[in-house]
Amino acid sequence: GIDGIALTKLDVLDGLSEIKICVAYDI
């Protein structure tokens, strides 16, 4: 029942040329 998120540690991704997000699974 989460209404909103607090997104943390965005700075850890600094300097990466490419970033991925998992959007689904293949099973």
PDB file of all heavy atoms in Angstrom:
ATOM      1  N   GLY A   1       0.800  -1.222   0.000  1.00  0.00           N
ATOM      2  CA  GLY A   1       0.000   0.000   0.000  1.00  0.00           C
ATOM      3  C   GLY A   1       0.828   1.264   0.000  1.00  0.00           C
ATOM      4  O   GLY A   1       0.444   2.282   0.588  1.00  0.00           O
ATOM      5  N   ILE A   2       1.971   1.222  -0.689  1.00  0.00           N
ATOM      6  CA  ILE A   2       2.895   2.354  -0.697  1.00  0.00           C
ATOM      7  C   ILE A   2       2.340   3.486  -1.568  1.00  0.00           C
ATOM      8  O   ILE A   2       1.974   3.274  -2.713  1.00  0.00           O
ATOM      9  CB  ILE A   2       4.281   1.900  -1.196  1.00  0.00           C
ATOM     10  CG1 ILE A   2       4.908   0.940  -0.167  1.00  0.00           C
ATOM     11  CG2 ILE A   2       5.200   3.087  -1.458  1.00  0.00           C
ATOM     12  CD1 ILE A   2       6.171   0.261  -0.648  1.00  0.00           C
ATOM     13  N   ASP A   3       2.291   4.692  -0.985  1.00  0.00           N
ATOM     14  CA  ASP A   3       1.752   5.855  -1.693  1.00  0.00           C
ATOM     15  C   ASP A   3       2.799   6.571  -2.534  1.00  0.00           C
ATOM     16  O   ASP A   3       2.484   7.156  -3.568  1.00  0.00           O
ATOM     17  CB  ASP A   3       1.147   6.853  -0.689  1.00  0.00           C
ATOM     18  CG  ASP A   3      -0.011   6.255   0.097  1.00  0.00           C
ATOM     19  OD1 ASP A   3      -1.025   5.891  -0.521  1.00  0.00           O
ATOM     20  OD2 ASP A   3       0.095   6.146   1.338  1.00  0.00           O
ATOM     21  N   GLY A   4       4.020   6.559  -2.078  1.00  0.00           N
ATOM     22  CA  GLY A   4       5.110   7.213  -2.791  1.00  0.00           C
ATOM     23  C   GLY A   4       6.424   6.637  -2.319  1.00  0.00           C
ATOM     24  O   GLY A   4       6.512   6.014  -1.261  1.00  0.00           O
ATOM     25  N   ILE A   5       7.472   6.821  -3.134  1.00  0.00           N
ATOM     26  CA  ILE A   5       8.766   6.259  -2.769  1.00  0.00           C
ATOM     27  C   ILE A   5       9.787   7.354  -2.516  1.00  0.00           C
ATOM     28  O   ILE A   5       9.723   8.441  -3.101  1.00  0.00           O
ATOM     29  CB  ILE A   5       9.292   5.262  -3.829  1.00  0.00           C
ATOM     30  CG1 ILE A   5       9.542   5.948  -5.170  1.00  0.00           C
ATOM     31  CG2 ILE A   5       8.335   4.100  -3.993  1.00  0.00           C
ATOM     32  CD1 ILE A   5      10.216   5.014  -6.199  1.00  0.00           C
ATOM     33  N   ALA A   6      10.706   7.049  -1.618  1.00  0.00           N
ATOM     34  CA  ALA A   6      11.887   7.871  -1.400  1.00  0.00           C
ATOM     35  C   ALA A   6      13.039   7.138  -2.071  1.00  0.00           C
ATOM     36  O   ALA A   6      13.429   6.050  -1.636  1.00  0.00           O
ATOM     37  CB  ALA A   6      12.157   8.062   0.084  1.00  0.00           C
ATOM     38  N   LEU A   7      13.551   7.691  -3.144  1.00  0.00           N
ATOM     39  CA  LEU A   7      14.607   7.034  -3.926  1.00  0.00           C
ATOM     40  C   LEU A   7      15.965   7.446  -3.369  1.00  0.00           C
ATOM     41  O   LEU A   7      16.281   8.630  -3.289  1.00  0.00           O
ATOM     42  CB  LEU A   7      14.481   7.407  -5.402  1.00  0.00           C
ATOM     43  CG  LEU A   7      15.301   6.565  -6.388  1.00  0.00           C
ATOM     44  CD1 LEU A   7      14.793   5.124  -6.431  1.00  0.00           C
ATOM     45  CD2 LEU A   7      15.252   7.179  -7.785  1.00  0.00           C
ATOM     46  N   THR A   8      16.767   6.458  -2.993  1.00  0.00           N
ATOM     47  CA  THR A   8      18.047   6.721  -2.343  1.00  0.00           C
ATOM     48  C   THR A   8      19.220   6.257  -3.204  1.00  0.00           C
ATOM     49  O   THR A   8      19.071   5.457  -4.126  1.00  0.00           O
ATOM     50  CB  THR A   8      18.128   6.009  -0.976  1.00  0.00           C
ATOM     51  OG1 THR A   8      18.107   4.587  -1.178  1.00  0.00           O
ATOM     52  CG2 THR A   8      16.949   6.396  -0.087  1.00  0.00           C
ATOM     53  N   LYS A   9      20.390   6.793  -2.889  1.00  0.00           N
ATOM     54  CA  LYS A   9      21.678   6.377  -3.469  1.00  0.00           C
ATOM     55  C   LYS A   9      21.737   6.523  -4.990  1.00  0.00           C
ATOM     56  O   LYS A   9      22.424   5.737  -5.671  1.00  0.00           O
ATOM     57  CB  LYS A   9      22.020   4.944  -3.048  1.00  0.00           C
ATOM     58  CG  LYS A   9      22.293   4.818  -1.550  1.00  0.00           C
ATOM     59  CD  LYS A   9      22.994   3.527  -1.217  1.00  0.00           C
ATOM     60  CE  LYS A   9      23.487   3.511   0.218  1.00  0.00           C
ATOM     61  NZ  LYS A   9      24.281   2.311   0.552  1.00  0.00           N
ATOM     62  N   LEU A  10      21.058   7.526  -5.527  1.00  0.00           N
ATOM     63  CA  LEU A  10      21.168   7.790  -6.958  1.00  0.00           C
ATOM     64  C   LEU A  10      22.615   8.068  -7.345  1.00  0.00           C
ATOM     65  O   LEU A  10      23.060   7.677  -8.436  1.00  0.00           O
ATOM     66  CB  LEU A  10      20.274   8.976  -7.345  1.00  0.00           C
ATOM     67  CG  LEU A  10      20.246   9.364  -8.816  1.00  0.00           C
ATOM     68  CD1 LEU A  10      19.578   8.274  -9.656  1.00  0.00           C
ATOM     69  CD2 LEU A  10      19.547  10.709  -9.019  1.00  0.00           C
ATOM     70  N   ASP A  11      23.365   8.702  -6.459  1.00  0.00           N
ATOM     71  CA  ASP A  11      24.743   9.089  -6.748  1.00  0.00           C
ATOM     72  C   ASP A  11      25.661   7.897  -6.988  1.00  0.00           C
ATOM     73  O   ASP A  11      26.706   8.039  -7.646  1.00  0.00           O
ATOM     74  CB  ASP A  11      25.303   9.944  -5.610  1.00  0.00           C
ATOM     75  CG  ASP A  11      25.223   9.246  -4.262  1.00  0.00           C
ATOM     76  OD1 ASP A  11      24.107   9.115  -3.728  1.00  0.00           O
ATOM     77  OD2 ASP A  11      26.284   8.833  -3.742  1.00  0.00           O
ATOM     78  N   VAL A  12      25.303   6.706  -6.485  1.00  0.00           N
ATOM     79  CA  VAL A  12      26.127   5.520  -6.681  1.00  0.00           C
ATOM     80  C   VAL A  12      26.210   5.138  -8.160  1.00  0.00           C
ATOM     81  O   VAL A  12      27.175   4.532  -8.613  1.00  0.00           O
ATOM     82  CB  VAL A  12      25.585   4.346  -5.830  1.00  0.00           C
ATOM     83  CG1 VAL A  12      26.341   3.046  -6.103  1.00  0.00           C
ATOM     84  CG2 VAL A  12      25.677   4.698  -4.345  1.00  0.00           C
ATOM     85  N   LEU A  13      25.206   5.547  -8.932  1.00  0.00           N
ATOM     86  CA  LEU A  13      25.175   5.233 -10.361  1.00  0.00           C
ATOM     87  C   LEU A  13      25.968   6.229 -11.198  1.00  0.00           C
ATOM     88  O   LEU A  13      26.110   6.027 -12.416  1.00  0.00           O
ATOM     89  CB  LEU A  13      23.723   5.197 -10.858  1.00  0.00           C
ATOM     90  CG  LEU A  13      22.798   4.169 -10.164  1.00  0.00           C
ATOM     91  CD1 LEU A  13      21.383   4.282 -10.707  1.00  0.00           C
ATOM     92  CD2 LEU A  13      23.327   2.755 -10.329  1.00  0.00           C
ATOM     93  N   ASP A  14      26.475   7.290 -10.574  1.00  0.00           N
ATOM     94  CA  ASP A  14      27.261   8.285 -11.315  1.00  0.00           C
ATOM     95  C   ASP A  14      28.444   7.622 -12.029  1.00  0.00           C
ATOM     96  O   ASP A  14      29.131   6.759 -11.463  1.00  0.00           O
ATOM     97  CB  ASP A  14      27.810   9.364 -10.372  1.00  0.00           C
ATOM     98  CG  ASP A  14      26.737  10.259  -9.781  1.00  0.00           C
ATOM     99  OD1 ASP A  14      25.564  10.155 -10.182  1.00  0.00           O
ATOM    100  OD2 ASP A  14      27.089  11.084  -8.904  1.00  0.00           O
ATOM    101  N   GLY A  15      28.671   8.034 -13.266  1.00  0.00           N
ATOM    102  CA  GLY A  15      29.844   7.567 -13.993  1.00  0.00           C
ATOM    103  C   GLY A  15      29.646   6.308 -14.804  1.00  0.00           C
ATOM    104  O   GLY A  15      30.557   5.894 -15.539  1.00  0.00           O
ATOM    105  N   LEU A  16      28.479   5.671 -14.687  1.00  0.00           N
ATOM    106  CA  LEU A  16      28.208   4.491 -15.497  1.00  0.00           C
ATOM    107  C   LEU A  16      27.728   4.931 -16.880  1.00  0.00           C
ATOM    108  O   LEU A  16      26.841   5.764 -17.002  1.00  0.00           O
ATOM    109  CB  LEU A  16      27.143   3.609 -14.836  1.00  0.00           C
ATOM    110  CG  LEU A  16      27.560   2.880 -13.545  1.00  0.00           C
ATOM    111  CD1 LEU A  16      26.346   2.204 -12.902  1.00  0.00           C
ATOM    112  CD2 LEU A  16      28.649   1.854 -13.836  1.00  0.00           C
ATOM    113  N   SER A  17      28.319   4.368 -17.905  1.00  0.00           N
ATOM    114  CA  SER A  17      27.926   4.754 -19.263  1.00  0.00           C
ATOM    115  C   SER A  17      26.575   4.171 -19.652  1.00  0.00           C
ATOM    116  O   SER A  17      25.869   4.720 -20.496  1.00  0.00           O
ATOM    117  CB  SER A  17      28.985   4.297 -20.270  1.00  0.00           C
ATOM    118  OG  SER A  17      29.155   2.881 -20.208  1.00  0.00           O
ATOM    119  N   GLU A  18      26.212   3.072 -19.011  1.00  0.00           N
ATOM    120  CA  GLU A  18      24.971   2.375 -19.342  1.00  0.00           C
ATOM    121  C   GLU A  18      24.344   1.850 -18.056  1.00  0.00           C
ATOM    122  O   GLU A  18      25.019   1.319 -17.191  1.00  0.00           O
ATOM    123  CB  GLU A  18      25.286   1.223 -20.300  1.00  0.00           C
ATOM    124  CG  GLU A  18      24.194   0.438 -20.800  1.00  0.00           C
ATOM    125  CD  GLU A  18      24.614  -0.635 -21.791  1.00  0.00           C
ATOM    126  OE1 GLU A  18      24.721  -0.328 -22.983  1.00  0.00           O
ATOM    127  OE2 GLU A  18      24.840  -1.789 -21.354  1.00  0.00           O
ATOM    128  N   ILE A  19      23.029   2.022 -17.931  1.00  0.00           N
ATOM    129  CA  ILE A  19      22.289   1.581 -16.749  1.00  0.00           C
ATOM    130  C   ILE A  19      21.094   0.752 -17.202  1.00  0.00           C
ATOM    131  O   ILE A  19      20.425   1.092 -18.186  1.00  0.00           O
ATOM    132  CB  ILE A  19      21.814   2.787 -15.906  1.00  0.00           C
ATOM    133  CG1 ILE A  19      23.023   3.605 -15.432  1.00  0.00           C
ATOM    134  CG2 ILE A  19      20.984   2.329 -14.714  1.00  0.00           C
ATOM    135  CD1 ILE A  19      22.645   4.906 -14.754  1.00  0.00           C
ATOM    136  N   LYS A  20      20.831  -0.332 -16.468  1.00  0.00           N
ATOM    137  CA  LYS A  20      19.727  -1.210 -16.839  1.00  0.00           C
ATOM    138  C   LYS A  20      18.667  -1.252 -15.750  1.00  0.00           C
ATOM    139  O   LYS A  20      18.950  -1.111 -14.566  1.00  0.00           O
ATOM    140  CB  LYS A  20      20.243  -2.620 -17.123  1.00  0.00           C
ATOM    141  CG  LYS A  20      21.177  -2.701 -18.327  1.00  0.00           C
ATOM    142  CD  LYS A  20      21.627  -4.124 -18.583  1.00  0.00           C
ATOM    143  CE  LYS A  20      22.541  -4.192 -19.804  1.00  0.00           C
ATOM    144  NZ  LYS A  20      22.974  -5.584 -20.099  1.00  0.00           N
ATOM    145  N   ILE A  21      17.427  -1.471 -16.180  1.00  0.00           N
ATOM    146  CA  ILE A  21      16.295  -1.673 -15.284  1.00  0.00           C
ATOM    147  C   ILE A  21      15.579  -2.948 -15.710  1.00  0.00           C
ATOM    148  O   ILE A  21      15.265  -3.120 -16.896  1.00  0.00           O
ATOM    149  CB  ILE A  21      15.301  -0.492 -15.322  1.00  0.00           C
ATOM    150  CG1 ILE A  21      15.948   0.804 -14.822  1.00  0.00           C
ATOM    151  CG2 ILE A  21      14.060  -0.807 -14.476  1.00  0.00           C
ATOM    152  CD1 ILE A  21      15.009   2.011 -14.884  1.00  0.00           C
ATOM    153  N   CYS A  22      15.306  -3.821 -14.742  1.00  0.00           N
ATOM    154  CA  CYS A  22      14.535  -5.028 -15.027  1.00  0.00           C
ATOM    155  C   CYS A  22      13.056  -4.665 -15.108  1.00  0.00           C
ATOM    156  O   CYS A  22      12.483  -4.103 -14.160  1.00  0.00           O
ATOM    157  CB  CYS A  22      14.765  -6.078 -13.943  1.00  0.00           C
ATOM    158  SG  CYS A  22      13.760  -7.559 -14.113  1.00  0.00           S
ATOM    159  N   VAL A  23      12.407  -5.001 -16.239  1.00  0.00           N
ATOM    160  CA  VAL A  23      11.005  -4.642 -16.451  1.00  0.00           C
ATOM    161  C   VAL A  23      10.086  -5.866 -16.476  1.00  0.00           C
ATOM    162  O   VAL A  23       8.861  -5.731 -16.436  1.00  0.00           O
ATOM    163  CB  VAL A  23      10.837  -3.836 -17.756  1.00  0.00           C
ATOM    164  CG1 VAL A  23      11.581  -2.511 -17.654  1.00  0.00           C
ATOM    165  CG2 VAL A  23      11.321  -4.630 -18.968  1.00  0.00           C
ATOM    166  N   ALA A  24      10.655  -7.051 -16.548  1.00  0.00           N
ATOM    167  CA  ALA A  24       9.880  -8.295 -16.561  1.00  0.00           C
ATOM    168  C   ALA A  24      10.860  -9.454 -16.398  1.00  0.00           C
ATOM    169  O   ALA A  24      12.085  -9.260 -16.383  1.00  0.00           O
ATOM    170  CB  ALA A  24       9.074  -8.443 -17.853  1.00  0.00           C
ATOM    171  N   TYR A  25      10.304 -10.673 -16.270  1.00  0.00           N
ATOM    172  CA  TYR A  25      11.142 -11.864 -16.188  1.00  0.00           C
ATOM    173  C   TYR A  25      10.789 -12.837 -17.311  1.00  0.00           C
ATOM    174  O   TYR A  25       9.635 -12.904 -17.757  1.00  0.00           O
ATOM    175  CB  TYR A  25      10.944 -12.604 -14.858  1.00  0.00           C
ATOM    176  CG  TYR A  25      11.155 -11.767 -13.629  1.00  0.00           C
ATOM    177  CD1 TYR A  25      10.137 -11.633 -12.681  1.00  0.00           C
ATOM    178  CD2 TYR A  25      12.357 -11.124 -13.387  1.00  0.00           C
ATOM    179  CE1 TYR A  25      10.314 -10.894 -11.541  1.00  0.00           C
ATOM    180  CE2 TYR A  25      12.560 -10.369 -12.245  1.00  0.00           C
ATOM    181  CZ  TYR A  25      11.524 -10.252 -11.331  1.00  0.00           C
ATOM    182  OH  TYR A  25      11.710  -9.511 -10.201  1.00  0.00           O
ATOM    183  N   ASP A  26      11.777 -13.579 -17.704  1.00  0.00           N
ATOM    184  CA  ASP A  26      11.565 -14.727 -18.582  1.00  0.00           C
ATOM    185  C   ASP A  26      11.744 -15.981 -17.735  1.00  0.00           C
ATOM    186  O   ASP A  26      12.818 -16.222 -17.180  1.00  0.00           O
ATOM    187  CB  ASP A  26      12.562 -14.724 -19.736  1.00  0.00           C
ATOM    188  CG  ASP A  26      12.348 -15.902 -20.693  1.00  0.00           C
ATOM    189  OD1 ASP A  26      12.547 -17.052 -20.282  1.00  0.00           O
ATOM    190  OD2 ASP A  26      11.992 -15.661 -21.840  1.00  0.00           O
ATOM    191  N   ILE A  27      10.677 -16.781 -17.632  1.00  0.00           N
ATOM    192  CA  ILE A  27      10.734 -18.042 -16.894  1.00  0.00           C
ATOM    193  C   ILE A  27      10.261 -19.145 -17.827  1.00  0.00           C
ATOM    194  O   ILE A  27       9.089 -19.204 -18.199  1.00  0.00           O
ATOM    195  CB  ILE A  27       9.871 -18.008 -15.614  1.00  0.00           C
ATOM    196  CG1 ILE A  27      10.258 -16.824 -14.716  1.00  0.00           C
ATOM    197  CG2 ILE A  27      10.010 -19.328 -14.854  1.00  0.00           C
ATOM    198  CD1 ILE A  27       9.401 -16.683 -13.465  1.00  0.00           C
TER     199      ILE A  27
END
